[in-house]
Amino acid sequence: MVSQYWVYHQELLSGIKKATPMLTITNIYYLCFISLTPFATSWLNDSFLSRDSAIATAKI
């Protein structure tokens, strides 16, 4: 999943001549949160009735 978004980002950002530090940092944070999605959904699946896992998954 992360690699698919990485490819999309490469295509999207290919037209940019110079990436600013803010764009780079934003892109890294976005990919970080996407990489946490499988972990959060697995945690929610394992402990479906847990309030903490439901809150964490809803925030991602």
N, C-alpha and C. Protein backbone atom coordinates (compact mmCIF):
# COMPACT_ATOMS: atom_id res chain seq x y z
N MET A 1 0.83 -1.18 0.00
CA MET A 1 0.00 0.00 0.00
C MET A 1 0.88 1.26 0.00
N VAL A 2 1.91 1.26 0.81
CA VAL A 2 2.78 2.43 0.87
C VAL A 2 3.50 2.63 -0.46
N SER A 3 3.93 1.54 -1.06
CA SER A 3 4.63 1.67 -2.34
C SER A 3 3.71 2.22 -3.43
N GLN A 4 2.45 1.86 -3.39
CA GLN A 4 1.49 2.40 -4.36
C GLN A 4 1.36 3.91 -4.19
N TYR A 5 1.25 4.38 -2.97
CA TYR A 5 1.19 5.82 -2.73
C TYR A 5 2.50 6.50 -3.10
N TRP A 6 3.61 5.80 -2.88
CA TRP A 6 4.90 6.37 -3.25
C TRP A 6 4.97 6.60 -4.76
N VAL A 7 4.50 5.63 -5.53
CA VAL A 7 4.48 5.78 -6.99
C VAL A 7 3.58 6.94 -7.39
N TYR A 8 2.42 7.06 -6.77
CA TYR A 8 1.52 8.17 -7.07
C TYR A 8 2.18 9.51 -6.73
N HIS A 9 2.89 9.56 -5.62
CA HIS A 9 3.58 10.78 -5.25
C HIS A 9 4.68 11.12 -6.27
N GLN A 10 5.38 10.11 -6.73
CA GLN A 10 6.41 10.35 -7.73
C GLN A 10 5.80 10.96 -8.99
N GLU A 11 4.68 10.41 -9.43
CA GLU A 11 4.01 10.95 -10.61
C GLU A 11 3.48 12.36 -10.36
N LEU A 12 2.91 12.57 -9.20
CA LEU A 12 2.33 13.86 -8.86
C LEU A 12 3.41 14.94 -8.74
N LEU A 13 4.52 14.60 -8.13
CA LEU A 13 5.57 15.58 -7.88
C LEU A 13 6.62 15.65 -8.99
N SER A 14 6.46 14.88 -10.05
CA SER A 14 7.45 14.89 -11.12
C SER A 14 7.49 16.23 -11.86
N GLY A 15 6.40 16.97 -11.85
CA GLY A 15 6.38 18.25 -12.53
C GLY A 15 6.98 19.39 -11.72
N ILE A 16 7.30 19.14 -10.47
CA ILE A 16 7.86 20.18 -9.62
C ILE A 16 9.37 20.24 -9.87
N LYS A 17 9.86 21.45 -10.13
CA LYS A 17 11.29 21.61 -10.43
C LYS A 17 12.15 21.59 -9.17
N LYS A 18 11.63 22.17 -8.09
CA LYS A 18 12.40 22.19 -6.84
C LYS A 18 11.44 21.98 -5.68
N ALA A 19 11.69 20.94 -4.92
CA ALA A 19 10.84 20.63 -3.77
C ALA A 19 11.30 21.46 -2.57
N THR A 20 10.35 22.08 -1.92
CA THR A 20 10.67 22.85 -0.72
C THR A 20 10.77 21.90 0.47
N PRO A 21 11.46 22.30 1.51
CA PRO A 21 11.54 21.45 2.70
C PRO A 21 10.15 21.14 3.29
N MET A 22 9.24 22.11 3.24
CA MET A 22 7.90 21.89 3.79
C MET A 22 7.15 20.83 2.98
N LEU A 23 7.30 20.84 1.68
CA LEU A 23 6.66 19.82 0.84
C LEU A 23 7.23 18.44 1.14
N THR A 24 8.52 18.36 1.31
CA THR A 24 9.16 17.08 1.63
C THR A 24 8.70 16.55 2.98
N ILE A 25 8.67 17.41 3.98
CA ILE A 25 8.25 16.99 5.32
C ILE A 25 6.79 16.56 5.31
N THR A 26 5.94 17.31 4.63
CA THR A 26 4.53 16.95 4.53
C THR A 26 4.36 15.60 3.86
N ASN A 27 5.11 15.35 2.81
CA ASN A 27 5.04 14.09 2.10
C ASN A 27 5.48 12.93 3.00
N ILE A 28 6.54 13.12 3.76
CA ILE A 28 7.03 12.08 4.66
C ILE A 28 6.01 11.77 5.75
N TYR A 29 5.40 12.80 6.33
CA TYR A 29 4.37 12.57 7.35
C TYR A 29 3.17 11.82 6.78
N TYR A 30 2.76 12.20 5.58
CA TYR A 30 1.63 11.53 4.94
C TYR A 30 1.93 10.05 4.73
N LEU A 31 3.11 9.75 4.21
CA LEU A 31 3.47 8.34 4.00
C LEU A 31 3.63 7.60 5.32
N CYS A 32 4.07 8.28 6.35
CA CYS A 32 4.19 7.66 7.68
C CYS A 32 2.81 7.23 8.19
N PHE A 33 1.84 8.12 8.10
CA PHE A 33 0.50 7.78 8.58
C PHE A 33 -0.14 6.67 7.74
N ILE A 34 0.14 6.65 6.46
CA ILE A 34 -0.38 5.58 5.61
C ILE A 34 0.25 4.24 6.01
N SER A 35 1.53 4.26 6.35
CA SER A 35 2.18 3.00 6.73
C SER A 35 1.65 2.48 8.06
N LEU A 36 1.05 3.33 8.90
CA LEU A 36 0.49 2.89 10.17
C LEU A 36 -0.93 2.33 10.03
N THR A 37 -1.56 2.54 8.91
CA THR A 37 -2.94 2.09 8.73
C THR A 37 -3.09 0.58 8.89
N PRO A 38 -2.25 -0.27 8.27
CA PRO A 38 -2.41 -1.72 8.49
C PRO A 38 -2.26 -2.13 9.95
N PHE A 39 -1.32 -1.51 10.66
CA PHE A 39 -1.14 -1.82 12.08
C PHE A 39 -2.39 -1.46 12.88
N ALA A 40 -2.94 -0.27 12.63
CA ALA A 40 -4.10 0.18 13.39
C ALA A 40 -5.33 -0.67 13.10
N THR A 41 -5.54 -1.04 11.85
CA THR A 41 -6.70 -1.88 11.53
C THR A 41 -6.54 -3.29 12.08
N SER A 42 -5.32 -3.79 12.11
CA SER A 42 -5.09 -5.11 12.71
C SER A 42 -5.34 -5.06 14.21
N TRP A 43 -4.90 -4.00 14.85
CA TRP A 43 -5.12 -3.82 16.28
C TRP A 43 -6.61 -3.72 16.59
N LEU A 44 -7.33 -3.01 15.75
CA LEU A 44 -8.78 -2.91 15.93
C LEU A 44 -9.45 -4.27 15.74
N ASN A 45 -8.97 -5.03 14.78
CA ASN A 45 -9.54 -6.36 14.52
C ASN A 45 -9.28 -7.31 15.70
N ASP A 46 -8.08 -7.22 16.27
CA ASP A 46 -7.73 -8.11 17.38
C ASP A 46 -8.47 -7.78 18.67
N SER A 47 -8.73 -6.52 18.88
CA SER A 47 -9.41 -6.10 20.11
C SER A 47 -10.59 -5.20 19.76
N PHE A 48 -11.57 -5.78 19.13
CA PHE A 48 -12.69 -5.03 18.58
C PHE A 48 -13.44 -4.23 19.63
N LEU A 49 -13.56 -4.76 20.81
CA LEU A 49 -14.34 -4.08 21.85
C LEU A 49 -13.51 -3.11 22.68
N SER A 50 -12.23 -2.99 22.37
CA SER A 50 -11.37 -2.08 23.13
C SER A 50 -11.61 -0.63 22.68
N ARG A 51 -11.82 0.22 23.62
CA ARG A 51 -12.06 1.63 23.33
C ARG A 51 -10.80 2.29 22.78
N ASP A 52 -9.62 1.93 23.29
CA ASP A 52 -8.37 2.55 22.87
C ASP A 52 -8.05 2.28 21.40
N SER A 53 -8.25 1.03 20.97
CA SER A 53 -7.96 0.70 19.57
C SER A 53 -8.95 1.40 18.63
N ALA A 54 -10.19 1.54 19.04
CA ALA A 54 -11.18 2.23 18.20
C ALA A 54 -10.84 3.70 18.07
N ILE A 55 -10.41 4.33 19.14
CA ILE A 55 -10.04 5.75 19.10
C ILE A 55 -8.80 5.96 18.24
N ALA A 56 -7.81 5.10 18.40
CA ALA A 56 -6.57 5.23 17.61
C ALA A 56 -6.83 5.03 16.13
N THR A 57 -7.67 4.08 15.78
CA THR A 57 -7.97 3.82 14.39
C THR A 57 -8.77 4.96 13.78
N ALA A 58 -9.65 5.54 14.53
CA ALA A 58 -10.46 6.66 14.02
C ALA A 58 -9.61 7.88 13.75
N LYS A 59 -8.52 8.06 14.50
CA LYS A 59 -7.65 9.22 14.29
C LYS A 59 -6.76 9.05 13.10
N ILE A 60 -6.46 7.84 12.69
CA ILE A 60 -5.61 7.61 11.52
C ILE A 60 -6.48 7.70 10.32
